[in-house]
Amino acid sequence: MIDQTTQYLGMKLKNPLVASASPLSEKLENIRKMEDAGFSAVVMHSLFEEQIEIESHDLNMAMTEGAESFAESLDYFPQLGEYKVGPDSYLELIRQATEAVDIPVIGSINGATPGGWVKFAKMIEQAGADAVELNIYHIATNPKQTAQEVEQIYVDLVGEVKKNISIPLAVKIGPYFSAMANMAGKLDKAGADALVLFNRFYQPDLDLESLEVVPDLILSSPHRLRVRLRWVAILYGQLQCNMALTGGVHSSEDVLKAIMAGADVTMMTSAILKNGIGHIENVRSGLLRWMEEKEYESFNQMRGSMSQKAVANPQAFERANYLKVLSSYKPVV
């Protein structure tokens, strides 16, 4: 009998398959379907910092300050009424979800400044969530802002939220730190119970007909997995906190690679948006079939077996791999 369980955020999950934040969790019916299909936990869709600030009279001023000098930019800011789910509705949905399902429900906050993060992290806890995930999305556009200052924003935010809640705290970050390993260690020491690697900075596009900057959402593909595998494999064994891999997880093979690199759980959104919630059943069956064939008894047995500290050639995760990849390509002449 294969032991499918894993530990994440101090909780014993029935498997390492977690539904990451997505529009699917805006409906209670979908959360029930995720549990029935086999997900071991669900991260709620994110409550955005802008939604939190809706309760402040300063929101409109903050969003449009300095924008008058560029007439087109005013149209790019969302109207307040466009936010479909406000803080009160979000908290009520968490209450309903925790009562409706047996799997852990993790609240999610997306933002870039301290703002109301502590306040709403506490409210998410009071609503019954099993944990909170901070999705930190900060774009340093000020040339006077240093890398050290940006890092300190993250560290201070994590420390402040951690001090004010008693439930576990996961921190979702991007890969664009100049010293990723050092930054991961700082967040670990600041109080993160898990790091979620990595969030995606959605890039806007330029419309050549309307001459406007437009949002452009492209779902992840399996090749997105590579950078995540690399850093999970490098960080494995160097942190006290858990690691979740998110982005590019589409198949059972992707999950297996993530666990072997050192992840405690894998998170999935794009694959179920493309294929439906029932797709997770195919992933689960593929996992069990492969583990039976290879005679693995548990995920714990394979975890970290392909991490940097475990492989025969640890330089494969560093610069040595760069030269090897380039030299292995054979162009068609």
C-alpha atoms as a PDB file:
ATOM      1  CA  MET A   1       0.000   0.000   0.000  1.00  0.00           C
ATOM      2  CA  ILE A   2       1.523   3.295  -1.122  1.00  0.00           C
ATOM      3  CA  ASP A   3       1.596   6.049   1.489  1.00  0.00           C
ATOM      4  CA  GLN A   4       0.450   9.145  -0.406  1.00  0.00           C
ATOM      5  CA  THR A   5       0.527  11.555   2.541  1.00  0.00           C
ATOM      6  CA  THR A   6       2.758  14.581   2.948  1.00  0.00           C
ATOM      7  CA  GLN A   7       3.320  17.310   5.529  1.00  0.00           C
ATOM      8  CA  TYR A   8       2.669  20.928   4.603  1.00  0.00           C
ATOM      9  CA  LEU A   9       2.246  23.950   6.864  1.00  0.00           C
ATOM     10  CA  GLY A  10       2.100  21.687   9.890  1.00  0.00           C
ATOM     11  CA  MET A  11      -0.801  19.721   8.400  1.00  0.00           C
ATOM     12  CA  LYS A  12      -0.874  16.138   7.229  1.00  0.00           C
ATOM     13  CA  LEU A  13      -2.300  16.128   3.711  1.00  0.00           C
ATOM     14  CA  LYS A  14      -3.650  13.021   2.005  1.00  0.00           C
ATOM     15  CA  ASN A  15      -1.447  13.670  -1.052  1.00  0.00           C
ATOM     16  CA  PRO A  16       0.883  16.385  -2.413  1.00  0.00           C
ATOM     17  CA  LEU A  17      -1.718  17.799  -4.851  1.00  0.00           C
ATOM     18  CA  VAL A  18      -2.957  21.251  -3.871  1.00  0.00           C
ATOM     19  CA  ALA A  19      -5.250  23.512  -5.888  1.00  0.00           C
ATOM     20  CA  SER A  20      -3.544  26.890  -6.148  1.00  0.00           C
ATOM     21  CA  ALA A  21      -5.302  30.242  -6.133  1.00  0.00           C
ATOM     22  CA  SER A  22      -7.586  30.655  -9.147  1.00  0.00           C
ATOM     23  CA  PRO A  23     -11.034  31.923 -10.171  1.00  0.00           C
ATOM     24  CA  LEU A  24     -12.341  28.378  -9.694  1.00  0.00           C
ATOM     25  CA  SER A  25     -12.376  28.836  -5.929  1.00  0.00           C
ATOM     26  CA  GLU A  26     -14.733  31.801  -6.199  1.00  0.00           C
ATOM     27  CA  LYS A  27     -17.575  29.259  -6.136  1.00  0.00           C
ATOM     28  CA  LEU A  28     -18.253  26.917  -3.240  1.00  0.00           C
ATOM     29  CA  GLU A  29     -19.463  24.261  -5.673  1.00  0.00           C
ATOM     30  CA  ASN A  30     -16.027  24.156  -7.322  1.00  0.00           C
ATOM     31  CA  ILE A  31     -14.250  23.812  -3.992  1.00  0.00           C
ATOM     32  CA  ARG A  32     -16.405  20.763  -3.233  1.00  0.00           C
ATOM     33  CA  LYS A  33     -15.569  19.334  -6.662  1.00  0.00           C
ATOM     34  CA  MET A  34     -11.845  19.852  -6.023  1.00  0.00           C
ATOM     35  CA  GLU A  35     -12.085  17.851  -2.830  1.00  0.00           C
ATOM     36  CA  ASP A  36     -14.088  15.085  -4.515  1.00  0.00           C
ATOM     37  CA  ALA A  37     -11.630  14.925  -7.425  1.00  0.00           C
ATOM     38  CA  GLY A  38      -8.701  14.343  -5.081  1.00  0.00           C
ATOM     39  CA  PHE A  39      -7.039  17.624  -4.174  1.00  0.00           C
ATOM     40  CA  SER A  40      -5.659  17.506  -0.639  1.00  0.00           C
ATOM     41  CA  ALA A  41      -6.041  21.253   0.026  1.00  0.00           C
ATOM     42  CA  VAL A  42      -7.237  24.358  -1.759  1.00  0.00           C
ATOM     43  CA  VAL A  43      -5.771  27.860  -1.816  1.00  0.00           C
ATOM     44  CA  MET A  44      -8.558  30.375  -2.187  1.00  0.00           C
ATOM     45  CA  HIS A  45      -8.482  32.949  -4.990  1.00  0.00           C
ATOM     46  CA  SER A  46      -6.547  35.978  -3.836  1.00  0.00           C
ATOM     47  CA  LEU A  47      -7.980  38.920  -1.996  1.00  0.00           C
ATOM     48  CA  PHE A  48      -6.115  41.778  -3.679  1.00  0.00           C
ATOM     49  CA  GLU A  49      -4.586  44.696  -1.870  1.00  0.00           C
ATOM     50  CA  GLU A  50      -6.716  46.999  -4.026  1.00  0.00           C
ATOM     51  CA  GLN A  51      -9.843  45.271  -2.738  1.00  0.00           C
ATOM     52  CA  ILE A  52      -8.673  45.766   0.825  1.00  0.00           C
ATOM     53  CA  GLU A  53      -8.098  49.435   0.137  1.00  0.00           C
ATOM     54  CA  ILE A  54     -11.602  49.848  -1.252  1.00  0.00           C
ATOM     55  CA  GLU A  55     -12.645  50.361   2.344  1.00  0.00           C
ATOM     56  CA  SER A  56     -10.373  53.397   2.472  1.00  0.00           C
ATOM     57  CA  HIS A  57     -11.329  56.751   0.964  1.00  0.00           C
ATOM     58  CA  ASP A  58      -7.754  57.071  -0.234  1.00  0.00           C
ATOM     59  CA  LEU A  59      -7.962  54.309  -2.859  1.00  0.00           C
ATOM     60  CA  ASN A  60      -9.026  56.385  -5.822  1.00  0.00           C
ATOM     61  CA  MET A  61      -6.415  59.032  -5.047  1.00  0.00           C
ATOM     62  CA  ALA A  62      -3.673  56.404  -4.681  1.00  0.00           C
ATOM     63  CA  MET A  63      -4.572  54.714  -7.948  1.00  0.00           C
ATOM     64  CA  THR A  64      -4.655  57.903 -10.024  1.00  0.00           C
ATOM     65  CA  GLU A  65      -1.956  59.993  -8.380  1.00  0.00           C
ATOM     66  CA  GLY A  66       0.342  61.352 -11.067  1.00  0.00           C
ATOM     67  CA  ALA A  67      -1.611  59.643 -13.822  1.00  0.00           C
ATOM     68  CA  GLU A  68      -3.142  62.836 -15.205  1.00  0.00           C
ATOM     69  CA  SER A  69       0.071  63.552 -17.067  1.00  0.00           C
ATOM     70  CA  PHE A  70      -0.626  60.521 -19.240  1.00  0.00           C
ATOM     71  CA  ALA A  71      -4.228  60.681 -20.405  1.00  0.00           C
ATOM     72  CA  GLU A  72      -4.325  57.082 -21.616  1.00  0.00           C
ATOM     73  CA  SER A  73      -3.183  55.677 -18.292  1.00  0.00           C
ATOM     74  CA  LEU A  74      -6.374  56.650 -16.488  1.00  0.00           C
ATOM     75  CA  ASP A  75      -8.277  54.136 -18.581  1.00  0.00           C
ATOM     76  CA  TYR A  76      -5.935  51.345 -17.533  1.00  0.00           C
ATOM     77  CA  PHE A  77      -6.793  51.591 -13.830  1.00  0.00           C
ATOM     78  CA  PRO A  78      -9.778  49.401 -12.894  1.00  0.00           C
ATOM     79  CA  GLN A  79     -13.018  50.968 -11.775  1.00  0.00           C
ATOM     80  CA  LEU A  80     -13.850  50.183  -8.166  1.00  0.00           C
ATOM     81  CA  GLY A  81     -17.027  48.423  -9.209  1.00  0.00           C
ATOM     82  CA  GLU A  82     -15.081  45.930 -11.309  1.00  0.00           C
ATOM     83  CA  TYR A  83     -13.946  44.003  -8.227  1.00  0.00           C
ATOM     84  CA  LYS A  84     -16.396  41.143  -8.021  1.00  0.00           C
ATOM     85  CA  VAL A  85     -15.520  39.862  -4.589  1.00  0.00           C
ATOM     86  CA  GLY A  86     -14.919  42.326  -1.745  1.00  0.00           C
ATOM     87  CA  PRO A  87     -13.358  41.534   1.627  1.00  0.00           C
ATOM     88  CA  ASP A  88     -16.654  40.754   3.376  1.00  0.00           C
ATOM     89  CA  SER A  89     -17.792  38.360   0.649  1.00  0.00           C
ATOM     90  CA  TYR A  90     -14.362  36.764   0.606  1.00  0.00           C
ATOM     91  CA  LEU A  91     -14.387  36.097   4.327  1.00  0.00           C
ATOM     92  CA  GLU A  92     -17.895  34.677   4.153  1.00  0.00           C
ATOM     93  CA  LEU A  93     -16.843  32.309   1.375  1.00  0.00           C
ATOM     94  CA  ILE A  94     -13.971  31.060   3.540  1.00  0.00           C
ATOM     95  CA  ARG A  95     -16.430  30.374   6.368  1.00  0.00           C
ATOM     96  CA  GLN A  96     -18.692  28.436   4.034  1.00  0.00           C
ATOM     97  CA  ALA A  97     -15.803  26.504   2.483  1.00  0.00           C
ATOM     98  CA  THR A  98     -14.315  25.395   5.799  1.00  0.00           C
ATOM     99  CA  GLU A  99     -17.723  24.064   6.820  1.00  0.00           C
ATOM    100  CA  ALA A 100     -18.392  22.387   3.475  1.00  0.00           C
ATOM    101  CA  VAL A 101     -15.162  20.435   2.952  1.00  0.00           C
ATOM    102  CA  ASP A 102     -12.799  18.345   5.053  1.00  0.00           C
ATOM    103  CA  ILE A 103      -9.590  19.374   3.287  1.00  0.00           C
ATOM    104  CA  PRO A 104      -7.622  22.425   4.492  1.00  0.00           C
ATOM    105  CA  VAL A 105      -8.704  25.804   3.120  1.00  0.00           C
ATOM    106  CA  ILE A 106      -5.902  28.350   2.742  1.00  0.00           C
ATOM    107  CA  GLY A 107      -6.709  32.056   2.430  1.00  0.00           C
ATOM    108  CA  SER A 108      -4.689  34.160  -0.003  1.00  0.00           C
ATOM    109  CA  ILE A 109      -3.761  37.852  -0.020  1.00  0.00           C
ATOM    110  CA  ASN A 110      -2.088  39.472  -3.037  1.00  0.00           C
ATOM    111  CA  GLY A 111      -0.311  42.788  -2.660  1.00  0.00           C
ATOM    112  CA  ALA A 112       2.907  44.737  -2.433  1.00  0.00           C
ATOM    113  CA  THR A 113       2.715  46.996   0.625  1.00  0.00           C
ATOM    114  CA  PRO A 114       1.952  46.419   4.327  1.00  0.00           C
ATOM    115  CA  GLY A 115      -1.407  48.234   4.074  1.00  0.00           C
ATOM    116  CA  GLY A 116      -4.202  46.156   5.514  1.00  0.00           C
ATOM    117  CA  TRP A 117      -2.379  42.841   5.197  1.00  0.00           C
ATOM    118  CA  VAL A 118      -2.081  42.217   8.918  1.00  0.00           C
ATOM    119  CA  LYS A 119      -5.682  43.215   9.523  1.00  0.00           C
ATOM    120  CA  PHE A 120      -7.071  40.957   6.850  1.00  0.00           C
ATOM    121  CA  ALA A 121      -4.721  38.075   7.604  1.00  0.00           C
ATOM    122  CA  LYS A 122      -6.230  38.116  11.098  1.00  0.00           C
ATOM    123  CA  MET A 123      -9.737  38.261   9.631  1.00  0.00           C
ATOM    124  CA  ILE A 124      -8.971  35.310   7.359  1.00  0.00           C
ATOM    125  CA  GLU A 125      -7.826  33.396  10.429  1.00  0.00           C
ATOM    126  CA  GLN A 126     -11.009  34.352  12.309  1.00  0.00           C
ATOM    127  CA  ALA A 127     -13.080  33.228   9.328  1.00  0.00           C
ATOM    128  CA  GLY A 128     -11.753  29.719   9.876  1.00  0.00           C
ATOM    129  CA  ALA A 129      -8.977  29.349   7.303  1.00  0.00           C
ATOM    130  CA  ASP A 130      -6.374  26.707   8.081  1.00  0.00           C
ATOM    131  CA  ALA A 131      -3.506  28.898   6.834  1.00  0.00           C
ATOM    132  CA  VAL A 132      -2.732  32.152   5.025  1.00  0.00           C
ATOM    133  CA  GLU A 133      -0.736  32.528   1.825  1.00  0.00           C
ATOM    134  CA  LEU A 134       0.848  35.907   1.079  1.00  0.00           C
ATOM    135  CA  ASN A 135       1.288  36.383  -2.658  1.00  0.00           C
ATOM    136  CA  ILE A 136       3.790  39.248  -2.734  1.00  0.00           C
ATOM    137  CA  TYR A 137       3.804  41.046  -6.078  1.00  0.00           C
ATOM    138  CA  HIS A 138       6.159  44.009  -6.000  1.00  0.00           C
ATOM    139  CA  ILE A 139       7.588  45.633  -9.121  1.00  0.00           C
ATOM    140  CA  ALA A 140      10.442  47.996  -8.319  1.00  0.00           C
ATOM    141  CA  THR A 141       9.973  50.774 -10.871  1.00  0.00           C
ATOM    142  CA  ASN A 142      11.646  53.505  -8.830  1.00  0.00           C
ATOM    143  CA  PRO A 143      15.313  53.702  -9.901  1.00  0.00           C
ATOM    144  CA  LYS A 144      16.196  55.053  -6.468  1.00  0.00           C
ATOM    145  CA  GLN A 145      14.868  51.956  -4.711  1.00  0.00           C
ATOM    146  CA  THR A 146      17.663  49.456  -4.060  1.00  0.00           C
ATOM    147  CA  ALA A 147      17.518  45.692  -4.128  1.00  0.00           C
ATOM    148  CA  GLN A 148      18.164  45.644  -0.393  1.00  0.00           C
ATOM    149  CA  GLU A 149      15.165  47.919   0.194  1.00  0.00           C
ATOM    150  CA  VAL A 150      12.940  45.670  -1.896  1.00  0.00           C
ATOM    151  CA  GLU A 151      14.045  42.596   0.013  1.00  0.00           C
ATOM    152  CA  GLN A 152      13.411  44.337   3.307  1.00  0.00           C
ATOM    153  CA  ILE A 153       9.810  45.039   2.252  1.00  0.00           C
ATOM    154  CA  TYR A 154       9.267  41.301   1.917  1.00  0.00           C
ATOM    155  CA  VAL A 155      11.031  40.418   5.146  1.00  0.00           C
ATOM    156  CA  ASP A 156       9.241  43.076   7.205  1.00  0.00           C
ATOM    157  CA  LEU A 157       5.859  42.133   5.776  1.00  0.00           C
ATOM    158  CA  VAL A 158       6.302  38.440   6.526  1.00  0.00           C
ATOM    159  CA  GLY A 159       7.535  39.162  10.041  1.00  0.00           C
ATOM    160  CA  GLU A 160       4.663  41.528  10.805  1.00  0.00           C
ATOM    161  CA  VAL A 161       1.961  39.179   9.565  1.00  0.00           C
ATOM    162  CA  LYS A 162       3.522  36.195  11.324  1.00  0.00           C
ATOM    163  CA  LYS A 163       3.485  38.075  14.643  1.00  0.00           C
ATOM    164  CA  ASN A 164      -0.228  38.707  14.383  1.00  0.00           C
ATOM    165  CA  ILE A 165      -1.662  35.319  13.413  1.00  0.00           C
ATOM    166  CA  SER A 166      -1.498  31.892  14.975  1.00  0.00           C
ATOM    167  CA  ILE A 167      -2.222  29.827  11.868  1.00  0.00           C
ATOM    168  CA  PRO A 168       0.574  28.810   9.457  1.00  0.00           C
ATOM    169  CA  LEU A 169       1.899  31.334   6.955  1.00  0.00           C
ATOM    170  CA  ALA A 170       2.971  30.530   3.383  1.00  0.00           C
ATOM    171  CA  VAL A 171       4.790  33.123   1.279  1.00  0.00           C
ATOM    172  CA  LYS A 172       4.492  33.089  -2.510  1.00  0.00           C
ATOM    173  CA  ILE A 173       7.278  34.935  -4.301  1.00  0.00           C
ATOM    174  CA  GLY A 174       8.795  35.327  -7.750  1.00  0.00           C
ATOM    175  CA  PRO A 175      12.229  34.123  -8.918  1.00  0.00           C
ATOM    176  CA  TYR A 176      13.716  37.522  -9.717  1.00  0.00           C
ATOM    177  CA  PHE A 177      15.957  38.098  -6.719  1.00  0.00           C
ATOM    178  CA  SER A 178      19.650  38.558  -7.439  1.00  0.00           C
ATOM    179  CA  ALA A 179      20.503  36.224  -4.527  1.00  0.00           C
ATOM    180  CA  MET A 180      17.565  33.833  -4.432  1.00  0.00           C
ATOM    181  CA  ALA A 181      19.042  31.403  -1.911  1.00  0.00           C
ATOM    182  CA  ASN A 182      19.864  34.199   0.522  1.00  0.00           C
ATOM    183  CA  MET A 183      16.392  35.720   0.147  1.00  0.00           C
ATOM    184  CA  ALA A 184      14.724  32.382   0.763  1.00  0.00           C
ATOM    185  CA  GLY A 185      16.734  32.042   3.960  1.00  0.00           C
ATOM    186  CA  LYS A 186      15.676  35.519   5.111  1.00  0.00           C
ATOM    187  CA  LEU A 187      11.998  34.744   4.598  1.00  0.00           C
ATOM    188  CA  ASP A 188      12.427  31.436   6.386  1.00  0.00           C
ATOM    189  CA  LYS A 189      13.946  33.205   9.402  1.00  0.00           C
ATOM    190  CA  ALA A 190      11.292  35.957   9.251  1.00  0.00           C
ATOM    191  CA  GLY A 191       8.628  33.380   9.999  1.00  0.00           C
ATOM    192  CA  ALA A 192       7.469  31.812   6.740  1.00  0.00           C
ATOM    193  CA  ASP A 193       6.195  28.291   7.380  1.00  0.00           C
ATOM    194  CA  ALA A 194       6.394  27.572   3.653  1.00  0.00           C
ATOM    195  CA  LEU A 195       7.726  29.176   0.490  1.00  0.00           C
ATOM    196  CA  VAL A 196       5.611  28.855  -2.652  1.00  0.00           C
ATOM    197  CA  LEU A 197       7.891  28.914  -5.707  1.00  0.00           C
ATOM    198  CA  PHE A 198       7.063  30.806  -7.858  1.00  0.00           C
ATOM    199  CA  ASN A 199       4.349  33.316  -8.626  1.00  0.00           C
ATOM    200  CA  ARG A 200       4.130  34.771 -12.123  1.00  0.00           C
ATOM    201  CA  PHE A 201       4.420  38.444 -13.034  1.00  0.00           C
ATOM    202  CA  TYR A 202       1.752  38.724 -15.718  1.00  0.00           C
ATOM    203  CA  GLN A 203       3.088  40.945 -18.458  1.00  0.00           C
ATOM    204  CA  PRO A 204       0.901  43.451 -20.318  1.00  0.00           C
ATOM    205  CA  ASP A 205       0.868  43.591 -24.103  1.00  0.00           C
ATOM    206  CA  LEU A 206       0.729  46.504 -26.556  1.00  0.00           C
ATOM    207  CA  ASP A 207      -2.243  46.755 -28.916  1.00  0.00           C
ATOM    208  CA  LEU A 208      -0.983  48.237 -32.191  1.00  0.00           C
ATOM    209  CA  GLU A 209      -4.485  49.088 -33.423  1.00  0.00           C
ATOM    210  CA  SER A 210      -5.799  50.922 -30.366  1.00  0.00           C
ATOM    211  CA  LEU A 211      -2.308  51.964 -29.195  1.00  0.00           C
ATOM    212  CA  GLU A 212      -3.180  50.865 -25.690  1.00  0.00           C
ATOM    213  CA  VAL A 213      -1.494  48.807 -23.011  1.00  0.00           C
ATOM    214  CA  VAL A 214      -3.710  45.762 -22.513  1.00  0.00           C
ATOM    215  CA  PRO A 215      -3.715  42.884 -19.989  1.00  0.00           C
ATOM    216  CA  ASP A 216      -2.842  39.531 -21.509  1.00  0.00           C
ATOM    217  CA  LEU A 217      -3.289  36.344 -19.518  1.00  0.00           C
ATOM    218  CA  ILE A 218      -1.514  33.268 -20.855  1.00  0.00           C
ATOM    219  CA  LEU A 219      -1.924  30.064 -18.882  1.00  0.00           C
ATOM    220  CA  SER A 220       1.247  28.296 -17.848  1.00  0.00           C
ATOM    221  CA  SER A 221       2.739  25.459 -19.867  1.00  0.00           C
ATOM    222  CA  PRO A 222       4.932  22.571 -18.668  1.00  0.00           C
ATOM    223  CA  HIS A 223       8.162  24.335 -19.693  1.00  0.00           C
ATOM    224  CA  ARG A 224       7.509  26.814 -16.859  1.00  0.00           C
ATOM    225  CA  LEU A 225       8.425  23.989 -14.509  1.00  0.00           C
ATOM    226  CA  ARG A 226      12.163  24.221 -15.200  1.00  0.00           C
ATOM    227  CA  VAL A 227      13.090  27.303 -13.171  1.00  0.00           C
ATOM    228  CA  ARG A 228      10.976  26.042 -10.288  1.00  0.00           C
ATOM    229  CA  LEU A 229      12.581  22.606 -10.303  1.00  0.00           C
ATOM    230  CA  ARG A 230      15.993  24.202 -10.310  1.00  0.00           C
ATOM    231  CA  TRP A 231      15.426  26.375  -7.259  1.00  0.00           C
ATOM    232  CA  VAL A 232      13.507  23.809  -5.258  1.00  0.00           C
ATOM    233  CA  ALA A 233      16.385  21.389  -5.889  1.00  0.00           C
ATOM    234  CA  ILE A 234      18.962  23.987  -4.811  1.00  0.00           C
ATOM    235  CA  LEU A 235      17.084  25.057  -1.678  1.00  0.00           C
ATOM    236  CA  TYR A 236      16.165  21.560  -0.510  1.00  0.00           C
ATOM    237  CA  GLY A 237      17.812  20.840   2.824  1.00  0.00           C
ATOM    238  CA  GLN A 238      18.819  24.474   3.392  1.00  0.00           C
ATOM    239  CA  LEU A 239      15.534  25.747   4.855  1.00  0.00           C
ATOM    240  CA  GLN A 240      13.452  24.913   7.894  1.00  0.00           C
ATOM    241  CA  CYS A 241      10.186  25.779   6.136  1.00  0.00           C
ATOM    242  CA  ASN A 242       8.234  23.695   3.648  1.00  0.00           C
ATOM    243  CA  MET A 243       8.417  24.258  -0.091  1.00  0.00           C
ATOM    244  CA  ALA A 244       5.518  24.205  -2.523  1.00  0.00           C
ATOM    245  CA  LEU A 245       6.175  24.188  -6.259  1.00  0.00           C
ATOM    246  CA  THR A 246       3.648  26.034  -8.412  1.00  0.00           C
ATOM    247  CA  GLY A 247       3.703  26.901 -12.098  1.00  0.00           C
ATOM    248  CA  GLY A 248       4.025  24.424 -14.947  1.00  0.00           C
ATOM    249  CA  VAL A 249       2.576  21.442 -13.066  1.00  0.00           C
ATOM    250  CA  HIS A 250       0.319  19.709 -15.606  1.00  0.00           C
ATOM    251  CA  SER A 251       0.915  15.955 -15.337  1.00  0.00           C
ATOM    252  CA  SER A 252       1.879  13.179 -12.965  1.00  0.00           C
ATOM    253  CA  GLU A 253       5.407  13.364 -14.368  1.00  0.00           C
ATOM    254  CA  ASP A 254       5.605  17.024 -13.374  1.00  0.00           C
ATOM    255  CA  VAL A 255       4.508  16.181  -9.838  1.00  0.00           C
ATOM    256  CA  LEU A 256       7.079  13.403  -9.547  1.00  0.00           C
ATOM    257  CA  LYS A 257       9.871  15.704 -10.719  1.00  0.00           C
ATOM    258  CA  ALA A 258       8.829  18.338  -8.187  1.00  0.00           C
ATOM    259  CA  ILE A 259       8.816  15.879  -5.289  1.00  0.00           C
ATOM    260  CA  MET A 260      12.179  14.437  -6.318  1.00  0.00           C
ATOM    261  CA  ALA A 261      13.604  17.958  -6.489  1.00  0.00           C
ATOM    262  CA  GLY A 262      12.470  18.472  -2.895  1.00  0.00           C
ATOM    263  CA  ALA A 263       8.958  19.959  -2.893  1.00  0.00           C
ATOM    264  CA  ASP A 264       6.559  19.014  -0.120  1.00  0.00           C
ATOM    265  CA  VAL A 265       3.516  19.746  -2.289  1.00  0.00           C
ATOM    266  CA  THR A 266       2.770  20.738  -5.864  1.00  0.00           C
ATOM    267  CA  MET A 267       0.146  23.306  -6.817  1.00  0.00           C
ATOM    268  CA  MET A 268      -1.944  23.352  -9.963  1.00  0.00           C
ATOM    269  CA  THR A 269      -4.213  25.853 -11.704  1.00  0.00           C
ATOM    270  CA  SER A 270      -3.627  26.134 -15.454  1.00  0.00           C
ATOM    271  CA  ALA A 271      -3.988  22.403 -16.059  1.00  0.00           C
ATOM    272  CA  ILE A 272      -7.432  22.272 -14.464  1.00  0.00           C
ATOM    273  CA  LEU A 273      -8.514  25.504 -16.138  1.00  0.00           C
ATOM    274  CA  LYS A 274      -7.595  23.883 -19.463  1.00  0.00           C
ATOM    275  CA  ASN A 275      -8.825  20.354 -18.778  1.00  0.00           C
ATOM    276  CA  GLY A 276     -11.382  20.654 -15.989  1.00  0.00           C
ATOM    277  CA  ILE A 277     -11.219  19.802 -12.298  1.00  0.00           C
ATOM    278  CA  GLY A 278     -11.498  16.088 -13.122  1.00  0.00           C
ATOM    279  CA  HIS A 279      -8.016  16.233 -14.677  1.00  0.00           C
ATOM    280  CA  ILE A 280      -6.538  15.764 -11.213  1.00  0.00           C
ATOM    281  CA  GLU A 281      -7.891  12.204 -11.191  1.00  0.00           C
ATOM    282  CA  ASN A 282      -5.662  11.390 -14.181  1.00  0.00           C
ATOM    283  CA  VAL A 283      -2.694  12.916 -12.373  1.00  0.00           C
ATOM    284  CA  ARG A 284      -3.372  10.863  -9.248  1.00  0.00           C
ATOM    285  CA  SER A 285      -3.722   7.594 -11.134  1.00  0.00           C
ATOM    286  CA  GLY A 286      -0.525   8.337 -13.073  1.00  0.00           C
ATOM    287  CA  LEU A 287       1.362   8.934  -9.842  1.00  0.00           C
ATOM    288  CA  LEU A 288       0.265   5.672  -8.288  1.00  0.00           C
ATOM    289  CA  ARG A 289       0.953   3.687 -11.454  1.00  0.00           C
ATOM    290  CA  TRP A 290       4.515   5.038 -11.725  1.00  0.00           C
ATOM    291  CA  MET A 291       5.238   4.502  -8.039  1.00  0.00           C
ATOM    292  CA  GLU A 292       4.005   0.918  -8.197  1.00  0.00           C
ATOM    293  CA  GLU A 293       6.162   0.222 -11.249  1.00  0.00           C
ATOM    294  CA  LYS A 294       9.247   1.723  -9.601  1.00  0.00           C
ATOM    295  CA  GLU A 295       8.430   0.160  -6.215  1.00  0.00           C
ATOM    296  CA  TYR A 296       8.222   3.380  -4.236  1.00  0.00           C
ATOM    297  CA  GLU A 297       6.328   3.065  -0.971  1.00  0.00           C
ATOM    298  CA  SER A 298       5.785   6.763  -0.280  1.00  0.00           C
ATOM    299  CA  PHE A 299       6.433  10.287  -1.493  1.00  0.00           C
ATOM    300  CA  ASN A 300       8.711  10.795   1.489  1.00  0.00           C
ATOM    301  CA  GLN A 301      10.939   8.052   0.116  1.00  0.00           C
ATOM    302  CA  MET A 302      11.561   9.947  -3.132  1.00  0.00           C
ATOM    303  CA  ARG A 303      11.531  13.515  -1.803  1.00  0.00           C
ATOM    304  CA  GLY A 304      14.800  15.314  -2.515  1.00  0.00           C
ATOM    305  CA  SER A 305      16.351  12.333  -4.313  1.00  0.00           C
ATOM    306  CA  MET A 306      17.083  14.583  -7.306  1.00  0.00           C
ATOM    307  CA  SER A 307      17.986  17.695  -5.309  1.00  0.00           C
ATOM    308  CA  GLN A 308      21.326  19.406  -5.693  1.00  0.00           C
ATOM    309  CA  LYS A 309      22.648  17.799  -2.513  1.00  0.00           C
ATOM    310  CA  ALA A 310      21.645  14.302  -3.667  1.00  0.00           C
ATOM    311  CA  VAL A 311      22.636  14.055  -7.338  1.00  0.00           C
ATOM    312  CA  ALA A 312      26.021  12.823  -8.491  1.00  0.00           C
ATOM    313  CA  ASN A 313      26.726  16.079 -10.319  1.00  0.00           C
ATOM    314  CA  PRO A 314      25.433  19.010  -8.239  1.00  0.00           C
ATOM    315  CA  GLN A 315      26.962  21.481 -10.715  1.00  0.00           C
ATOM    316  CA  ALA A 316      24.183  20.496 -13.114  1.00  0.00           C
ATOM    317  CA  PHE A 317      22.022  23.064 -11.308  1.00  0.00           C
ATOM    318  CA  GLU A 318      24.662  25.781 -11.712  1.00  0.00           C
ATOM    319  CA  ARG A 319      26.726  27.298 -14.550  1.00  0.00           C
ATOM    320  CA  ALA A 320      28.113  23.964 -15.724  1.00  0.00           C
ATOM    321  CA  ASN A 321      24.701  23.105 -17.100  1.00  0.00           C
ATOM    322  CA  TYR A 322      24.756  26.235 -19.281  1.00  0.00           C
ATOM    323  CA  LEU A 323      27.704  25.043 -21.332  1.00  0.00           C
ATOM    324  CA  LYS A 324      26.394  21.486 -21.510  1.00  0.00           C
ATOM    325  CA  VAL A 325      23.011  22.602 -22.852  1.00  0.00           C
ATOM    326  CA  LEU A 326      24.546  24.806 -25.516  1.00  0.00           C
ATOM    327  CA  SER A 327      27.042  22.169 -26.640  1.00  0.00           C
ATOM    328  CA  SER A 328      24.320  19.486 -26.830  1.00  0.00           C
ATOM    329  CA  TYR A 329      22.277  21.372 -29.427  1.00  0.00           C
ATOM    330  CA  LYS A 330      22.843  20.218 -32.995  1.00  0.00           C
ATOM    331  CA  PRO A 331      21.637  22.811 -35.521  1.00  0.00           C
ATOM    332  CA  VAL A 332      20.230  21.715 -38.852  1.00  0.00           C
ATOM    333  CA  VAL A 333      22.625  22.820 -41.609  1.00  0.00           C
END
